[in-house]
N, C-alpha and C. Protein backbone atom coordinates (compact mmCIF):
# COMPACT_ATOMS: atom_id res chain seq x y z
N MET A 1 99.32 105.74 71.61
CA MET A 1 98.24 105.63 72.66
C MET A 1 98.72 106.91 73.30
N LYS A 2 97.66 107.93 73.57
CA LYS A 2 98.23 109.18 74.53
C LYS A 2 97.98 108.71 76.05
N ALA A 3 98.95 109.23 76.90
CA ALA A 3 98.73 109.07 78.19
C ALA A 3 97.54 109.83 78.87
N GLN A 4 96.95 108.97 79.97
CA GLN A 4 95.91 109.72 80.52
C GLN A 4 96.26 109.34 81.99
N VAL A 5 95.52 110.21 82.74
CA VAL A 5 95.47 109.92 84.41
C VAL A 5 94.30 110.35 84.95
N LYS A 6 94.04 109.59 85.83
CA LYS A 6 92.91 110.03 86.98
C LYS A 6 93.25 110.07 88.33
N VAL A 7 93.12 111.40 88.90
CA VAL A 7 93.29 111.54 90.33
C VAL A 7 92.06 111.10 91.03
N GLU A 8 91.95 109.99 91.83
CA GLU A 8 91.00 109.23 92.48
C GLU A 8 90.49 109.76 93.75
N ARG A 9 91.75 110.25 94.58
CA ARG A 9 91.56 110.68 95.85
C ARG A 9 92.79 111.40 96.11
N LEU A 10 92.62 112.48 97.13
CA LEU A 10 93.71 113.11 97.72
C LEU A 10 93.46 113.12 99.12
N GLU A 11 94.42 112.48 99.99
CA GLU A 11 93.96 112.17 101.25
C GLU A 11 94.88 113.06 102.29
N MET A 12 94.17 113.73 103.27
CA MET A 12 94.96 114.45 104.27
C MET A 12 93.91 114.30 105.43
N ASN A 13 94.52 114.18 106.66
CA ASN A 13 93.84 114.33 107.88
C ASN A 13 93.53 115.92 108.20
N ASP A 14 93.33 116.37 109.39
CA ASP A 14 92.85 117.48 109.65
C ASP A 14 93.95 118.35 108.99
N PRO A 15 93.32 119.19 107.89
CA PRO A 15 94.34 120.06 107.37
C PRO A 15 94.85 121.52 107.95
N THR A 16 94.79 121.50 108.97
CA THR A 16 95.44 122.61 109.72
C THR A 16 96.68 122.16 110.49
N PHE A 17 97.79 122.89 110.08
CA PHE A 17 99.16 122.46 110.31
C PHE A 17 99.79 123.54 111.05
N GLU A 18 100.69 123.31 111.82
CA GLU A 18 101.78 124.49 112.37
C GLU A 18 102.61 124.53 111.43
N ALA A 19 103.26 125.91 111.29
CA ALA A 19 104.13 126.64 110.23
C ALA A 19 105.53 125.57 110.68
N GLY A 20 105.86 125.33 109.34
CA GLY A 20 107.24 124.49 109.47
C GLY A 20 107.07 122.94 109.53
N ALA A 21 106.02 122.70 109.91
CA ALA A 21 105.79 121.06 110.18
C ALA A 21 106.03 120.32 108.78
N VAL A 22 106.60 119.13 109.03
CA VAL A 22 106.73 118.16 107.82
C VAL A 22 105.24 117.19 107.97
N LYS A 23 104.67 117.36 106.77
CA LYS A 23 103.67 116.42 106.68
C LYS A 23 103.33 115.75 105.39
N THR A 24 102.73 114.73 105.28
CA THR A 24 102.53 113.73 104.11
C THR A 24 101.38 113.64 103.69
N ALA A 25 100.86 114.03 102.36
CA ALA A 25 99.62 113.70 101.84
C ALA A 25 99.70 112.46 100.78
N ARG A 26 98.53 111.80 100.63
CA ARG A 26 98.55 110.56 99.68
C ARG A 26 97.57 110.66 98.68
N ALA A 27 97.87 110.43 97.38
CA ALA A 27 97.11 110.51 96.40
C ALA A 27 96.70 109.30 95.65
N ARG A 28 95.82 108.79 95.29
CA ARG A 28 95.69 107.79 94.33
C ARG A 28 95.56 108.07 92.88
N LEU A 29 96.51 107.82 92.05
CA LEU A 29 96.51 108.01 90.56
C LEU A 29 96.19 106.84 89.80
N ALA A 30 95.21 106.99 88.95
CA ALA A 30 95.03 105.68 88.21
C ALA A 30 95.33 105.74 86.52
N ASN A 31 95.78 104.96 85.91
CA ASN A 31 96.02 104.92 84.72
C ASN A 31 94.80 104.06 83.68
N PRO A 32 93.88 104.98 83.27
CA PRO A 32 92.67 104.20 82.56
C PRO A 32 93.16 104.03 81.11
N THR A 33 94.36 103.71 80.69
CA THR A 33 94.45 103.57 79.48
C THR A 33 95.11 101.99 79.59
N ALA A 34 95.14 101.45 78.19
CA ALA A 34 95.66 99.82 78.01
C ALA A 34 97.21 99.76 77.78
N LYS A 35 98.04 100.94 78.31
CA LYS A 35 99.23 100.96 78.06
C LYS A 35 99.82 101.63 79.39
N GLN A 36 100.99 101.04 80.04
CA GLN A 36 101.93 101.44 81.16
C GLN A 36 102.49 102.98 80.79
N PHE A 37 102.44 103.69 81.70
CA PHE A 37 103.12 105.11 81.30
C PHE A 37 103.88 105.68 82.72
N THR A 38 104.75 106.52 82.44
CA THR A 38 105.39 106.99 83.66
C THR A 38 105.11 108.59 83.68
N TYR A 39 104.66 108.94 84.71
CA TYR A 39 104.21 110.16 84.96
C TYR A 39 105.12 110.97 85.91
N SER A 40 105.37 112.29 85.68
CA SER A 40 105.93 113.45 86.52
C SER A 40 104.74 113.69 87.27
N VAL A 41 105.01 113.87 88.89
CA VAL A 41 103.93 114.38 89.74
C VAL A 41 104.49 115.49 90.52
N GLU A 42 103.68 116.48 91.18
CA GLU A 42 104.14 117.47 91.92
C GLU A 42 102.82 117.94 92.74
N LEU A 43 103.07 117.72 94.02
CA LEU A 43 102.04 118.46 94.96
C LEU A 43 102.40 119.60 95.64
N TYR A 44 101.57 120.87 95.55
CA TYR A 44 102.06 121.98 96.11
C TYR A 44 101.19 122.95 96.65
N LEU A 45 101.36 123.75 97.39
CA LEU A 45 100.40 124.68 98.31
C LEU A 45 100.57 126.10 97.54
N GLY A 46 99.48 126.80 97.25
CA GLY A 46 98.98 127.90 96.40
C GLY A 46 99.79 128.06 95.14
N ALA A 47 99.10 128.99 94.28
CA ALA A 47 99.75 128.95 93.02
C ALA A 47 101.18 129.33 92.92
N ALA A 48 101.71 130.11 93.76
CA ALA A 48 102.92 130.45 93.94
C ALA A 48 104.16 129.56 94.63
N LYS A 49 103.56 128.24 94.67
CA LYS A 49 104.45 127.04 95.47
C LYS A 49 104.80 127.73 96.94
N ALA A 50 104.18 127.80 97.68
CA ALA A 50 104.58 128.32 99.09
C ALA A 50 105.32 127.03 99.82
N ALA A 51 104.82 125.87 99.34
CA ALA A 51 105.36 124.71 99.70
C ALA A 51 105.34 123.76 98.42
N THR A 52 106.38 122.73 98.31
CA THR A 52 106.33 121.80 97.34
C THR A 52 106.84 120.57 97.73
N SER A 53 106.38 119.48 97.05
CA SER A 53 106.90 118.31 97.35
C SER A 53 108.12 117.98 96.31
N GLY A 54 108.24 118.95 95.46
CA GLY A 54 109.26 118.51 94.39
C GLY A 54 108.78 117.75 93.12
N VAL A 55 109.40 117.75 92.33
CA VAL A 55 108.70 116.86 91.17
C VAL A 55 109.23 115.45 91.33
N GLY A 56 108.50 114.52 91.24
CA GLY A 56 109.03 113.07 91.27
C GLY A 56 108.22 112.30 89.98
N THR A 57 108.56 111.07 89.83
CA THR A 57 108.08 110.23 88.85
C THR A 57 107.68 108.82 89.32
N VAL A 58 106.40 108.48 88.90
CA VAL A 58 105.64 107.14 88.94
C VAL A 58 105.41 106.29 87.82
N THR A 59 105.38 105.14 87.87
CA THR A 59 104.93 104.39 86.78
C THR A 59 103.93 103.74 87.20
N ILE A 60 102.85 103.77 86.42
CA ILE A 60 101.49 103.28 86.68
C ILE A 60 101.28 102.06 85.40
N PRO A 61 100.90 100.99 85.87
CA PRO A 61 100.63 99.78 84.74
C PRO A 61 99.31 100.12 84.12
N ALA A 62 99.22 99.53 82.93
CA ALA A 62 97.72 99.70 82.21
C ALA A 62 96.69 99.16 82.94
N GLY A 63 95.52 100.05 83.17
CA GLY A 63 94.36 99.96 83.94
C GLY A 63 94.72 99.77 85.44
N GLY A 64 95.94 100.06 85.69
CA GLY A 64 96.14 99.99 87.23
C GLY A 64 96.22 101.51 87.97
N TYR A 65 96.59 101.28 89.27
CA TYR A 65 96.49 102.65 90.02
C TYR A 65 97.86 102.62 90.92
N ILE A 66 98.40 103.58 91.74
CA ILE A 66 99.30 103.57 92.51
C ILE A 66 98.86 104.56 93.69
N ASP A 67 99.00 104.39 94.90
CA ASP A 67 99.01 105.43 96.09
C ASP A 67 100.46 105.94 96.16
N VAL A 68 100.43 107.54 96.01
CA VAL A 68 101.60 108.16 95.88
C VAL A 68 101.57 109.06 97.26
N ASN A 69 102.73 108.87 98.07
CA ASN A 69 103.05 109.92 98.89
C ASN A 69 103.67 110.95 98.89
N PHE A 70 103.25 112.32 99.16
CA PHE A 70 104.06 113.55 98.97
C PHE A 70 104.51 114.08 100.25
N VAL A 71 105.66 114.43 100.59
CA VAL A 71 106.18 114.91 101.70
C VAL A 71 106.44 116.58 101.51
N LEU A 72 105.66 117.17 102.19
CA LEU A 72 105.99 118.85 102.26
C LEU A 72 106.24 119.58 103.61
N VAL A 73 107.41 120.37 103.63
CA VAL A 73 107.37 121.41 104.78
C VAL A 73 106.78 122.49 104.54
N MET A 74 105.58 122.66 105.72
CA MET A 74 104.74 123.72 105.46
C MET A 74 105.24 125.18 105.58
N PRO A 75 104.74 126.02 105.11
CA PRO A 75 105.10 127.23 104.86
C PRO A 75 105.20 128.01 106.16
N ALA A 76 106.09 129.07 106.33
CA ALA A 76 106.21 129.87 107.55
C ALA A 76 105.24 130.83 107.72
N ALA A 77 104.41 131.36 106.60
CA ALA A 77 103.48 132.29 106.90
C ALA A 77 102.14 131.71 107.17
N GLU A 78 101.43 132.17 108.14
CA GLU A 78 100.00 131.74 108.55
C GLU A 78 99.10 132.14 107.33
N GLY A 79 98.15 131.22 107.08
CA GLY A 79 97.12 131.51 106.31
C GLY A 79 96.61 130.29 105.55
N GLY A 80 95.46 130.48 104.67
CA GLY A 80 95.06 129.44 104.21
C GLY A 80 95.67 129.08 102.61
N TYR A 81 96.08 128.00 102.09
CA TYR A 81 96.73 127.71 100.93
C TYR A 81 95.97 126.52 100.10
N PRO A 82 95.48 126.86 98.90
CA PRO A 82 94.76 125.65 98.21
C PRO A 82 95.79 124.59 97.80
N VAL A 83 95.51 123.38 97.53
CA VAL A 83 96.58 122.25 97.24
C VAL A 83 96.12 121.95 96.20
N PHE A 84 97.27 121.92 95.23
CA PHE A 84 97.23 121.37 94.06
C PHE A 84 98.19 119.99 93.50
N LEU A 85 97.71 119.48 92.70
CA LEU A 85 98.40 118.23 92.04
C LEU A 85 98.56 118.20 90.81
N ASP A 86 99.87 118.49 90.23
CA ASP A 86 100.12 118.39 88.59
C ASP A 86 100.49 117.08 88.17
N VAL A 87 100.03 116.57 87.18
CA VAL A 87 100.46 115.30 86.45
C VAL A 87 100.91 115.58 85.02
N TRP A 88 101.96 115.18 84.77
CA TRP A 88 102.60 115.38 83.38
C TRP A 88 103.06 114.00 82.89
N SER A 89 102.91 114.09 81.56
CA SER A 89 103.46 112.87 80.81
C SER A 89 104.43 113.54 79.84
N ASP A 90 105.70 113.10 79.79
CA ASP A 90 106.56 113.88 79.13
C ASP A 90 106.41 115.45 79.37
N SER A 91 106.28 116.39 78.41
CA SER A 91 106.04 117.62 78.98
C SER A 91 104.55 117.97 78.55
N ASN A 92 103.60 117.29 78.70
CA ASN A 92 102.33 117.49 78.66
C ASN A 92 101.56 117.67 80.05
N LEU A 93 101.12 118.52 80.40
CA LEU A 93 100.30 118.72 81.54
C LEU A 93 98.72 117.95 81.21
N LEU A 94 98.83 116.77 82.18
CA LEU A 94 97.52 115.89 81.93
C LEU A 94 96.43 116.33 82.86
N LYS A 95 96.95 116.62 83.88
CA LYS A 95 96.00 117.15 85.19
C LYS A 95 96.50 118.09 85.96
N HIS A 96 95.39 118.89 86.34
CA HIS A 96 95.99 120.08 87.06
C HIS A 96 94.80 119.95 88.12
N TYR A 97 94.95 119.16 89.29
CA TYR A 97 93.94 118.79 90.32
C TYR A 97 94.06 119.69 91.38
N GLN A 98 92.92 120.26 91.84
CA GLN A 98 92.79 121.00 92.96
C GLN A 98 91.87 120.38 94.15
N ALA A 99 92.50 120.14 95.47
CA ALA A 99 92.02 119.48 96.47
C ALA A 99 90.59 120.21 96.85
N THR A 100 89.73 119.58 97.58
CA THR A 100 88.38 120.09 97.65
C THR A 100 88.66 121.17 99.01
N GLU A 101 89.63 120.75 99.94
CA GLU A 101 89.94 121.76 101.15
C GLU A 101 91.33 122.12 101.22
N ASN A 102 91.35 123.29 101.49
CA ASN A 102 92.76 123.98 101.72
C ASN A 102 93.49 123.79 102.79
N VAL A 103 94.69 123.98 103.02
CA VAL A 103 95.57 123.67 103.92
C VAL A 103 95.44 124.81 104.71
N ALA A 104 95.38 124.98 106.31
CA ALA A 104 95.35 126.09 106.92
C ALA A 104 96.74 126.00 107.97
N ILE A 105 97.68 126.98 107.62
CA ILE A 105 98.69 126.99 108.73
C ILE A 105 98.57 128.14 109.70
N THR A 106 98.85 127.58 110.96
CA THR A 106 98.86 128.41 112.09
C THR A 106 100.25 128.38 112.99
N ILE A 107 100.64 129.45 113.59
CA ILE A 107 101.46 129.52 114.43
C ILE A 107 101.17 129.66 115.75
N ALA A 108 101.42 128.61 116.67
CA ALA A 108 100.70 128.56 118.16
C ALA A 108 101.88 129.44 118.89
N PRO A 109 101.15 130.29 119.86
CA PRO A 109 102.04 130.85 120.90
C PRO A 109 103.06 130.23 121.48
N ALA A 110 104.21 130.44 121.63
CA ALA A 110 105.49 129.90 122.35
C ALA A 110 106.27 131.00 123.16
N ILE A 111 107.23 130.28 124.21
CA ILE A 111 107.97 131.28 124.67
C ILE A 111 109.20 130.41 125.36
N GLU A 112 110.08 130.89 125.36
CA GLU A 112 111.30 130.27 125.94
C GLU A 112 111.91 131.30 127.22
N VAL A 113 112.05 130.77 128.23
CA VAL A 113 112.60 131.77 129.62
C VAL A 113 113.77 131.21 129.88
N GLY A 114 114.67 132.22 129.82
CA GLY A 114 116.09 131.85 130.15
C GLY A 114 116.16 131.92 131.85
N PRO A 115 117.50 131.84 132.29
CA PRO A 115 117.64 131.81 133.59
C PRO A 115 117.48 133.25 134.15
N ILE A 116 116.88 133.16 135.67
CA ILE A 116 116.67 134.48 136.23
C ILE A 116 117.87 134.77 137.04
N ILE A 117 118.28 136.08 136.62
CA ILE A 117 119.67 136.40 137.20
C ILE A 117 119.20 137.96 138.05
N TRP A 118 119.71 137.73 139.43
CA TRP A 118 119.64 138.87 140.30
C TRP A 118 120.81 139.84 139.81
N VAL A 119 120.55 141.11 139.89
CA VAL A 119 121.49 142.14 139.51
C VAL A 119 121.51 143.12 140.79
């Protein structure tokens, strides 16, 4: 039996984040086959992987599903980044999923003031 997977949803709250923030996205992955499989999964931002969850593994029972959390450190550069989720079985890419919304990275103004010294 050949491994299959369905990405049923990819959840993120407001997809606008501060550069360098640590955020979690959750995806529901379903195994539509009659056999349990172990999959390799990776969530990343941009085709060049400006941020990545790293590759992890999940095992999904036959006909079942699992909610998977992906933790990423947001990129340092401002801009919009498409969100991708890749799922493999062995070395076969089963799904290259793109989320419907991009992540927007912003850098808010900030300032640090040192002591005032009279000279």
